[in-house]
């Protein structure tokens, strides 16, 4: 996501490196390169031109402090303008109805049905909502089945009427069902088409008018670039939706839709889909996205993902075990599972400032932990708890059982031993600092 744009922008800023001050000539040269980078990323031409004009105006009006280099100042201005271009503030869902109702709209193939499931899961786990999914695509039986399967996976009920061809009535009946059974959130998945047509637009307009949703979200495939922006404009003219959902941002996308859509339709991007898994959904934060585009990483999002997997009681238990040098392979396995739950490994690494560029051409396999897990699963319960008993015979058995080599087993045991020592050292130094305070 945005890899090419990030590289091009970095090259553009190098024009100003070594310059003593910002001038109209070197700014014009830099911004010519920036505008070309934006156009190559499939950003709308008017948006790209307006963006660079604003940056130029602000850059030429700045006095460069002696402690700040012109290139650093330009990065700061571009960062602020990218943030403003994508909406400035994070746009929250407004769900005040009882039940609150979210209407999903978009073309077929945009990922609308899958996103409905992702959103239901997120609001259920993070906001303690009790959602009901509603299947209003009466033309494609596979859509109803797909939503039903998703519902089973996330343990959220799905309301459907297989014999009905009236999506407006289905939506109204679903809301009545939600009220009678205590669901506080209804997510209505509607039919999509391969292209915009009058029947489709009339139908979704009728559904919106009948159910009066708290939020109407337009779901669009970000890989379609400017086509996504044009489709959003046409949907907005008919539906006046509240926000945009960009799916497939993890794919080979140039990012033009994310940078153009807010300006063209004047509606915020509220969520992005970053993968196929049901937890691959992020709230859209313009400032954080600007950080990523400019290669600054996204530490805040990384910490938030870690906190979602954080268990305070488990952390206290582990700290005691580490202090007593009792950290074992069961604990190690548990930590691996927590990391895997946080998401795609390459995406996680790219959130660390400076790392994204370094690993751009490195293939980080999500199965990187597979051999480690196989080795640990091949150990007996006693061996996992007491790694020190793993002699040569046991190691040979484990290598055969896990389909790995004796060298891989030895390497893991050595790394585990080093990790355990380091963890004990860190825990011990923290305890040492705390002791004087406890004595007082």
Protein backbone atom coordinates (compact mmCIF):
# COMPACT_ATOMS: atom_id res chain seq x y z
CA UNK A 1 0.00 0.00 0.00
CA UNK A 2 1.42 3.40 -1.09
CA UNK A 3 4.93 1.90 -1.50
CA UNK A 4 5.58 3.54 -4.87
CA UNK A 5 4.16 6.88 -3.76
CA UNK A 6 6.31 6.83 -0.59
CA UNK A 7 9.45 6.21 -2.65
CA UNK A 8 8.62 8.94 -5.17
CA UNK A 9 7.90 11.51 -2.44
CA UNK A 10 11.16 10.67 -0.68
CA UNK A 11 13.04 11.26 -3.93
CA UNK A 12 11.21 14.56 -4.40
CA UNK A 13 12.29 15.85 -0.99
CA UNK A 14 15.94 15.07 -1.80
CA UNK A 15 15.85 18.01 -4.24
CA UNK A 16 15.74 20.31 -1.21
CA UNK A 17 18.50 18.49 0.72
CA UNK A 18 21.60 20.61 1.03
CA UNK A 19 19.66 23.79 0.17
CA UNK A 20 20.16 26.63 2.61
CA UNK A 21 16.69 28.05 2.19
CA UNK A 22 13.34 27.55 0.50
CA UNK A 23 13.04 29.50 -2.76
CA UNK A 24 10.39 29.66 -5.45
CA UNK A 25 12.72 27.80 -7.83
CA UNK A 26 13.60 24.80 -5.62
CA UNK A 27 10.02 24.54 -4.29
CA UNK A 28 8.64 24.53 -7.85
CA UNK A 29 11.09 21.78 -8.81
CA UNK A 30 10.22 19.69 -5.76
CA UNK A 31 6.46 20.09 -6.17
CA UNK A 32 6.61 19.28 -9.87
CA UNK A 33 8.02 15.92 -8.80
CA UNK A 34 5.43 15.57 -6.01
CA UNK A 35 2.55 16.26 -8.42
CA UNK A 36 3.88 13.66 -10.86
CA UNK A 37 4.18 11.14 -8.01
CA UNK A 38 0.55 11.79 -7.02
CA UNK A 39 -0.69 11.41 -10.60
CA UNK A 40 1.26 8.16 -10.99
CA UNK A 41 -0.48 6.97 -7.80
CA UNK A 42 -3.80 7.53 -9.63
CA UNK A 43 -4.77 10.63 -7.65
CA UNK A 44 -7.41 12.79 -9.34
CA UNK A 45 -5.67 15.50 -11.45
CA UNK A 46 -7.58 18.42 -9.89
CA UNK A 47 -6.89 17.06 -6.41
CA UNK A 48 -3.15 16.67 -7.15
CA UNK A 49 -2.90 20.20 -8.59
CA UNK A 50 -4.86 21.76 -5.71
CA UNK A 51 -2.69 19.89 -3.21
CA UNK A 52 0.64 21.04 -4.68
CA UNK A 53 -0.62 24.65 -5.08
CA UNK A 54 -1.55 24.73 -1.37
CA UNK A 55 1.79 23.23 -0.33
CA UNK A 56 3.67 25.78 -2.48
CA UNK A 57 1.74 28.69 -0.99
CA UNK A 58 2.46 27.50 2.57
CA UNK A 59 6.11 26.64 1.90
CA UNK A 60 6.95 30.05 0.40
CA UNK A 61 5.27 31.77 3.32
CA UNK A 62 7.44 29.99 5.89
CA UNK A 63 10.56 31.32 7.55
CA UNK A 64 12.99 28.43 7.88
CA UNK A 65 14.42 28.22 11.39
CA UNK A 66 18.15 27.60 11.62
CA UNK A 67 17.48 24.30 13.41
CA UNK A 68 15.14 23.07 10.66
CA UNK A 69 16.34 22.12 7.20
CA UNK A 70 14.22 23.13 4.17
CA UNK A 71 13.60 19.45 3.29
CA UNK A 72 12.36 18.79 6.86
CA UNK A 73 10.02 21.76 6.70
CA UNK A 74 8.66 20.58 3.34
CA UNK A 75 7.99 17.10 4.76
CA UNK A 76 6.09 18.71 7.66
CA UNK A 77 3.96 20.84 5.31
CA UNK A 78 3.27 17.88 2.97
CA UNK A 79 2.35 15.71 5.99
CA UNK A 80 -0.13 18.30 7.26
CA UNK A 81 -1.68 18.74 3.83
CA UNK A 82 -1.93 14.98 3.21
CA UNK A 83 -3.73 14.68 6.54
CA UNK A 84 -6.12 17.49 5.57
CA UNK A 85 -6.61 15.96 2.10
CA UNK A 86 -7.79 12.69 3.68
CA UNK A 87 -10.18 14.40 6.08
CA UNK A 88 -8.06 15.78 8.91
CA UNK A 89 -9.91 14.27 11.86
CA UNK A 90 -10.82 10.63 12.43
CA UNK A 91 -14.51 10.14 11.54
CA UNK A 92 -16.46 8.09 14.09
CA UNK A 93 -19.63 6.09 13.52
CA UNK A 94 -22.72 7.78 14.93
CA UNK A 95 -24.99 5.02 16.27
CA UNK A 96 -27.76 6.53 18.38
CA UNK A 97 -30.83 4.52 17.30
CA UNK A 98 -32.38 1.71 19.33
CA UNK A 99 -31.48 -0.40 17.52
CA UNK A 100 -28.84 1.54 15.60
CA UNK A 101 -28.97 0.76 11.88
CA UNK A 102 -26.09 0.69 9.37
CA UNK A 103 -26.92 0.45 5.65
CA UNK A 104 -24.16 -0.96 3.42
CA UNK A 105 -24.00 0.09 -0.25
CA UNK A 106 -21.64 -0.50 -3.17
CA UNK A 107 -21.04 -2.40 -6.37
CA UNK A 108 -20.84 -6.19 -6.59
CA UNK A 109 -17.31 -7.42 -5.93
CA UNK A 110 -16.31 -4.46 -3.76
CA UNK A 111 -16.18 -6.63 -0.63
CA UNK A 112 -19.44 -5.31 0.83
CA UNK A 113 -20.75 -8.58 2.29
CA UNK A 114 -17.38 -9.54 3.80
CA UNK A 115 -16.99 -6.06 5.27
CA UNK A 116 -20.45 -6.29 6.85
CA UNK A 117 -19.20 -9.35 8.73
CA UNK A 118 -15.93 -7.64 9.71
CA UNK A 119 -17.79 -4.58 11.00
CA UNK A 120 -20.24 -6.71 13.00
CA UNK A 121 -17.33 -8.58 14.60
CA UNK A 122 -15.43 -5.39 15.42
CA UNK A 123 -18.42 -3.62 17.00
CA UNK A 124 -19.31 -6.77 18.93
CA UNK A 125 -15.82 -7.30 20.38
CA UNK A 126 -14.65 -3.71 20.82
CA UNK A 127 -17.89 -1.84 21.56
CA UNK A 128 -19.86 -4.64 23.27
CA UNK A 129 -22.65 -4.32 20.71
CA UNK A 130 -25.20 -7.06 20.04
CA UNK A 131 -25.45 -7.04 16.22
CA UNK A 132 -27.88 -8.62 13.78
CA UNK A 133 -26.78 -9.03 10.15
CA UNK A 134 -29.48 -8.69 7.48
CA UNK A 135 -29.32 -10.32 4.03
CA UNK A 136 -31.09 -7.98 1.60
CA UNK A 137 -29.47 -9.20 -1.62
CA UNK A 138 -32.48 -11.06 -3.03
CA UNK A 139 -30.91 -11.60 -6.46
CA UNK A 140 -27.82 -13.57 -5.56
CA UNK A 141 -28.51 -16.64 -3.36
CA UNK A 142 -24.74 -17.00 -2.83
CA UNK A 143 -24.73 -13.60 -1.07
CA UNK A 144 -27.24 -14.83 1.52
CA UNK A 145 -25.23 -18.01 2.07
CA UNK A 146 -21.97 -16.03 2.28
CA UNK A 147 -23.43 -13.76 4.97
CA UNK A 148 -24.80 -16.78 6.85
CA UNK A 149 -21.35 -18.44 6.87
CA UNK A 150 -19.72 -15.20 8.03
CA UNK A 151 -22.32 -14.91 10.78
CA UNK A 152 -21.50 -18.41 12.01
CA UNK A 153 -17.77 -17.64 12.07
CA UNK A 154 -18.19 -14.51 14.19
CA UNK A 155 -21.16 -15.88 16.17
CA UNK A 156 -23.56 -13.17 14.99
CA UNK A 157 -27.12 -14.09 13.86
CA UNK A 158 -28.21 -13.43 10.27
CA UNK A 159 -31.76 -12.44 9.36
CA UNK A 160 -32.92 -13.56 5.91
CA UNK A 161 -36.17 -14.41 4.10
CA UNK A 162 -35.41 -16.93 1.36
CA UNK A 163 -38.92 -16.76 -0.13
CA UNK A 164 -39.13 -12.96 -0.29
CA UNK A 165 -37.98 -10.75 -3.16
CA UNK A 166 -38.79 -7.49 -1.38
CA UNK A 167 -35.59 -6.08 0.19
CA UNK A 168 -37.40 -3.09 1.72
CA UNK A 169 -39.80 -5.34 3.63
CA UNK A 170 -36.97 -7.70 4.64
CA UNK A 171 -35.04 -4.77 6.14
CA UNK A 172 -38.11 -3.51 8.02
CA UNK A 173 -38.90 -7.01 9.33
CA UNK A 174 -35.28 -7.42 10.46
CA UNK A 175 -35.42 -4.19 12.49
CA UNK A 176 -38.66 -5.41 14.11
CA UNK A 177 -36.91 -8.71 14.89
CA UNK A 178 -33.97 -6.85 16.43
CA UNK A 179 -36.28 -4.81 18.68
CA UNK A 180 -38.20 -7.87 19.86
CA UNK A 181 -35.05 -9.93 20.58
CA UNK A 182 -32.86 -7.24 22.13
CA UNK A 183 -30.30 -6.64 19.36
CA UNK A 184 -28.94 -3.09 19.59
CA UNK A 185 -27.33 -2.96 16.15
CA UNK A 186 -28.61 -3.92 12.68
CA UNK A 187 -26.25 -4.11 9.70
CA UNK A 188 -28.11 -4.31 6.37
CA UNK A 189 -26.18 -5.85 3.45
CA UNK A 190 -27.74 -4.82 0.14
CA UNK A 191 -27.49 -6.03 -3.46
CA UNK A 192 -24.69 -4.82 -5.71
CA UNK A 193 -24.38 -4.79 -9.48
CA UNK A 194 -21.41 -5.03 -11.82
CA UNK A 195 -22.14 -1.42 -12.79
CA UNK A 196 -24.43 1.36 -11.61
CA UNK A 197 -27.96 1.01 -12.96
CA UNK A 198 -31.27 2.75 -12.30
CA UNK A 199 -32.99 -0.30 -10.77
CA UNK A 200 -30.19 -0.74 -8.26
CA UNK A 201 -30.14 2.92 -7.23
CA UNK A 202 -33.95 3.11 -6.91
CA UNK A 203 -33.95 0.00 -4.73
CA UNK A 204 -31.29 1.15 -2.28
CA UNK A 205 -32.88 4.61 -2.12
CA UNK A 206 -36.16 2.95 -1.16
CA UNK A 207 -34.46 0.86 1.54
CA UNK A 208 -32.77 3.94 3.00
CA UNK A 209 -36.02 5.92 3.03
CA UNK A 210 -37.89 3.05 4.74
CA UNK A 211 -35.39 2.23 7.49
CA UNK A 212 -33.84 5.68 8.04
CA UNK A 213 -30.37 4.34 9.02
CA UNK A 214 -28.02 6.01 11.49
CA UNK A 215 -25.15 5.42 9.05
CA UNK A 216 -25.06 4.73 5.32
CA UNK A 217 -21.63 3.45 4.28
CA UNK A 218 -20.36 3.19 0.72
CA UNK A 219 -17.96 0.27 0.22
CA UNK A 220 -15.48 0.54 -2.64
CA UNK A 221 -12.57 -1.54 -3.92
CA UNK A 222 -9.52 0.74 -3.61
CA UNK A 223 -7.73 -1.18 -6.37
CA UNK A 224 -10.08 0.36 -8.95
CA UNK A 225 -8.41 3.76 -8.44
CA UNK A 226 -10.20 6.69 -10.09
CA UNK A 227 -13.12 4.44 -11.07
CA UNK A 228 -13.72 4.07 -7.33
CA UNK A 229 -13.86 7.84 -6.93
CA UNK A 230 -16.27 8.25 -9.87
CA UNK A 231 -18.54 5.50 -8.52
CA UNK A 232 -18.51 7.13 -5.08
CA UNK A 233 -19.60 10.44 -6.61
CA UNK A 234 -22.58 8.85 -8.37
CA UNK A 235 -23.67 6.90 -5.27
CA UNK A 236 -23.36 10.00 -3.11
CA UNK A 237 -25.57 12.06 -5.43
CA UNK A 238 -28.36 9.52 -4.96
CA UNK A 239 -27.80 8.29 -1.40
CA UNK A 240 -25.98 11.13 0.40
CA UNK A 241 -24.01 8.50 2.35
CA UNK A 242 -22.21 9.24 5.65
CA UNK A 243 -18.85 7.69 4.95
CA UNK A 244 -16.62 5.57 2.74
CA UNK A 245 -15.09 2.13 3.33
CA UNK A 246 -11.99 1.32 1.26
CA UNK A 247 -11.39 -2.42 0.88
CA UNK A 248 -8.31 -4.28 -0.42
CA UNK A 249 -5.81 -1.66 0.72
CA UNK A 250 -3.39 -4.54 1.30
CA UNK A 251 -3.36 -5.34 -2.42
CA UNK A 252 -1.36 -3.90 -5.28
CA UNK A 253 -3.01 -0.51 -5.00
CA UNK A 254 -1.47 2.86 -5.78
CA UNK A 255 -3.53 4.71 -3.16
CA UNK A 256 -5.18 7.24 -5.47
CA UNK A 257 -8.69 6.49 -4.20
CA UNK A 258 -7.72 7.09 -0.56
CA UNK A 259 -6.15 10.44 -1.45
CA UNK A 260 -8.88 11.66 -3.83
CA UNK A 261 -12.21 10.43 -2.52
CA UNK A 262 -12.61 12.86 0.40
CA UNK A 263 -12.11 15.93 -1.80
CA UNK A 264 -14.34 14.68 -4.63
CA UNK A 265 -17.38 13.60 -2.57
CA UNK A 266 -16.70 15.60 0.63
CA UNK A 267 -17.42 12.54 2.78
CA UNK A 268 -14.92 10.96 5.19
CA UNK A 269 -13.23 7.59 4.85
CA UNK A 270 -14.33 5.76 8.00
CA UNK A 271 -12.80 2.29 7.63
CA UNK A 272 -10.28 0.39 5.56
CA UNK A 273 -10.07 -3.32 4.86
CA UNK A 274 -6.50 -4.60 5.04
CA UNK A 275 -6.81 -8.32 4.32
CA UNK A 276 -9.09 -11.32 3.96
CA UNK A 277 -9.26 -12.31 7.64
CA UNK A 278 -12.30 -11.17 9.61
CA UNK A 279 -10.16 -9.05 11.94
CA UNK A 280 -8.48 -7.25 8.99
CA UNK A 281 -10.39 -4.01 9.48
CA UNK A 282 -9.02 -0.66 10.71
CA UNK A 283 -10.64 2.62 11.55
CA UNK A 284 -9.23 5.22 9.16
CA UNK A 285 -6.94 7.81 10.77
CA UNK A 286 -5.81 10.48 8.24
CA UNK A 287 -2.74 11.58 10.24
CA UNK A 288 -1.54 8.01 10.72
CA UNK A 289 -2.02 7.26 7.02
CA UNK A 290 0.01 10.37 6.17
CA UNK A 291 2.74 9.03 8.49
CA UNK A 292 2.80 5.76 6.55
CA UNK A 293 2.85 7.47 3.14
CA UNK A 294 5.87 9.54 4.22
CA UNK A 295 7.67 6.49 5.64
CA UNK A 296 7.24 7.50 9.28
CA UNK A 297 5.60 4.25 10.36
CA UNK A 298 2.50 4.03 12.55
CA UNK A 299 3.49 3.24 16.12
CA UNK A 300 0.10 4.27 17.56
CA UNK A 301 -1.78 1.67 15.51
CA UNK A 302 0.84 -0.95 16.36
CA UNK A 303 0.44 -0.27 20.10
CA UNK A 304 -3.37 -0.37 19.76
CA UNK A 305 -3.21 -3.79 18.12
CA UNK A 306 -0.91 -5.04 20.87
CA UNK A 307 -3.28 -3.69 23.55
CA UNK A 308 -6.19 -5.58 21.98
CA UNK A 309 -4.34 -8.84 22.67
CA UNK A 310 -3.06 -7.73 26.09
CA UNK A 311 -4.30 -9.66 29.11
CA UNK A 312 -3.33 -8.00 32.40
CA UNK A 313 -3.69 -11.14 34.52
CA UNK A 314 -1.67 -13.17 32.02
CA UNK A 315 1.03 -10.46 32.00
CA UNK A 316 1.31 -10.56 35.81
CA UNK A 317 1.55 -14.36 35.76
CA UNK A 318 4.28 -14.24 33.12
CA UNK A 319 6.24 -11.60 35.02
CA UNK A 320 6.36 -13.82 38.11
CA UNK A 321 7.50 -16.82 36.04
CA UNK A 322 10.21 -14.77 34.30
CA UNK A 323 11.50 -13.43 37.62
CA UNK A 324 11.86 -17.03 38.87
CA UNK A 325 13.39 -18.16 35.54
CA UNK A 326 10.38 -20.43 34.98
CA UNK A 327 9.34 -19.08 31.56
CA UNK A 328 8.76 -22.23 29.48
CA UNK A 329 7.74 -23.32 25.97
CA UNK A 330 4.03 -23.20 26.84
CA UNK A 331 4.46 -19.47 27.60
CA UNK A 332 6.56 -19.02 24.46
CA UNK A 333 3.83 -20.64 22.34
CA UNK A 334 1.21 -18.40 23.94
CA UNK A 335 3.22 -15.28 23.01
CA UNK A 336 3.54 -16.47 19.38
CA UNK A 337 -0.24 -16.88 19.18
CA UNK A 338 -0.76 -13.34 20.49
CA UNK A 339 1.60 -11.90 17.87
CA UNK A 340 -0.18 -13.82 15.09
CA UNK A 341 -3.54 -12.42 16.22
CA UNK A 342 -2.22 -8.88 15.71
CA UNK A 343 -2.22 -9.32 11.92
CA UNK A 344 0.03 -9.67 8.88
CA UNK A 345 3.70 -9.77 9.97
CA UNK A 346 5.00 -7.53 7.18
CA UNK A 347 2.29 -4.96 7.83
CA UNK A 348 3.12 -4.97 11.56
CA UNK A 349 6.82 -4.50 10.85
CA UNK A 350 6.09 -1.63 8.42
CA UNK A 351 4.38 0.27 11.24
CA UNK A 352 7.77 0.69 12.95
CA UNK A 353 9.41 3.96 11.77
CA UNK A 354 12.20 3.30 9.28
CA UNK A 355 11.45 -0.40 8.93
CA UNK A 356 8.88 -0.20 6.11
CA UNK A 357 11.45 0.90 3.53
CA UNK A 358 14.05 -1.61 4.75
CA UNK A 359 11.72 -4.60 4.33
CA UNK A 360 9.98 -3.43 1.15
CA UNK A 361 11.58 -6.10 -1.05
CA UNK A 362 11.77 -8.78 1.65
CA UNK A 363 9.14 -11.50 1.60
CA UNK A 364 7.95 -12.00 5.18
CA UNK A 365 5.90 -15.18 5.24
CA UNK A 366 2.94 -15.28 7.62
CA UNK A 367 3.92 -18.92 8.19
CA UNK A 368 7.27 -17.83 9.65
CA UNK A 369 6.29 -19.33 13.01
CA UNK A 370 5.12 -22.62 11.52
CA UNK A 371 8.34 -24.61 12.08
CA UNK A 372 8.75 -23.19 15.59
CA UNK A 373 5.20 -24.23 16.49
CA UNK A 374 5.76 -27.69 14.96
CA UNK A 375 8.88 -28.18 17.10
CA UNK A 376 7.10 -27.11 20.31
CA UNK A 377 4.03 -29.26 19.53
CA UNK A 378 6.37 -32.26 19.07
CA UNK A 379 7.58 -31.92 22.67
CA UNK A 380 5.96 -33.78 25.54
CA UNK A 381 4.20 -31.69 28.23
CA UNK A 382 7.15 -32.41 30.55
CA UNK A 383 9.67 -31.18 27.93
CA UNK A 384 7.75 -27.96 27.31
CA UNK A 385 7.70 -27.21 31.03
CA UNK A 386 11.34 -28.27 31.65
CA UNK A 387 13.41 -27.44 28.53
CA UNK A 388 16.63 -28.30 30.39
CA UNK A 389 15.86 -32.04 30.08
CA UNK A 390 16.07 -31.89 26.27
CA UNK A 391 19.11 -34.08 25.63
CA UNK A 392 20.38 -35.33 22.27
CA UNK A 393 17.98 -38.29 22.05
CA UNK A 394 14.94 -36.14 22.80
CA UNK A 395 16.05 -33.50 20.30
CA UNK A 396 16.41 -36.10 17.55
CA UNK A 397 12.89 -37.39 18.28
CA UNK A 398 11.46 -33.86 18.23
CA UNK A 399 13.18 -33.09 14.88
CA UNK A 400 11.66 -36.21 13.31
CA UNK A 401 8.23 -35.55 14.82
CA UNK A 402 8.13 -31.93 13.61
CA UNK A 403 9.55 -32.57 10.14
CA UNK A 404 12.53 -30.29 10.85
CA UNK A 405 16.27 -30.86 11.23
CA UNK A 406 18.25 -31.35 14.44
CA UNK A 407 20.00 -28.04 13.60
CA UNK A 408 16.66 -26.19 13.60
CA UNK A 409 15.72 -27.72 16.95
CA UNK A 410 19.11 -26.78 18.44
CA UNK A 411 18.81 -23.24 17.05
CA UNK A 412 15.36 -22.77 18.61
CA UNK A 413 16.56 -24.08 21.98
CA UNK A 414 19.55 -21.72 21.90
CA UNK A 415 17.35 -18.74 20.97
CA UNK A 416 14.85 -19.70 23.67
CA UNK A 417 17.60 -19.89 26.28
CA UNK A 418 18.96 -16.47 25.25
CA UNK A 419 15.44 -14.99 25.32
CA UNK A 420 14.79 -16.39 28.78
CA UNK A 421 18.06 -14.94 30.14
CA UNK A 422 17.38 -11.54 28.60
CA UNK A 423 13.80 -11.46 29.97
CA UNK A 424 15.05 -12.35 33.46
CA UNK A 425 17.69 -9.61 33.24
CA UNK A 426 15.13 -6.98 32.21
CA UNK A 427 12.64 -8.07 34.88
CA UNK A 428 15.41 -8.18 37.48
CA UNK A 429 16.60 -4.64 36.70
CA UNK A 430 13.02 -3.33 36.97
CA UNK A 431 12.57 -5.06 40.32
CA UNK A 432 15.90 -3.60 41.49
CA UNK A 433 14.72 -0.07 40.69
CA UNK A 434 11.47 -0.66 42.52
CA UNK A 435 13.10 -1.92 45.73
CA UNK A 436 14.27 1.51 47.07
CA UNK A 437 10.75 2.88 46.52
CA UNK A 438 9.25 -0.07 48.41
CA UNK A 439 11.65 0.42 51.35
CA UNK A 440 10.66 4.06 51.67
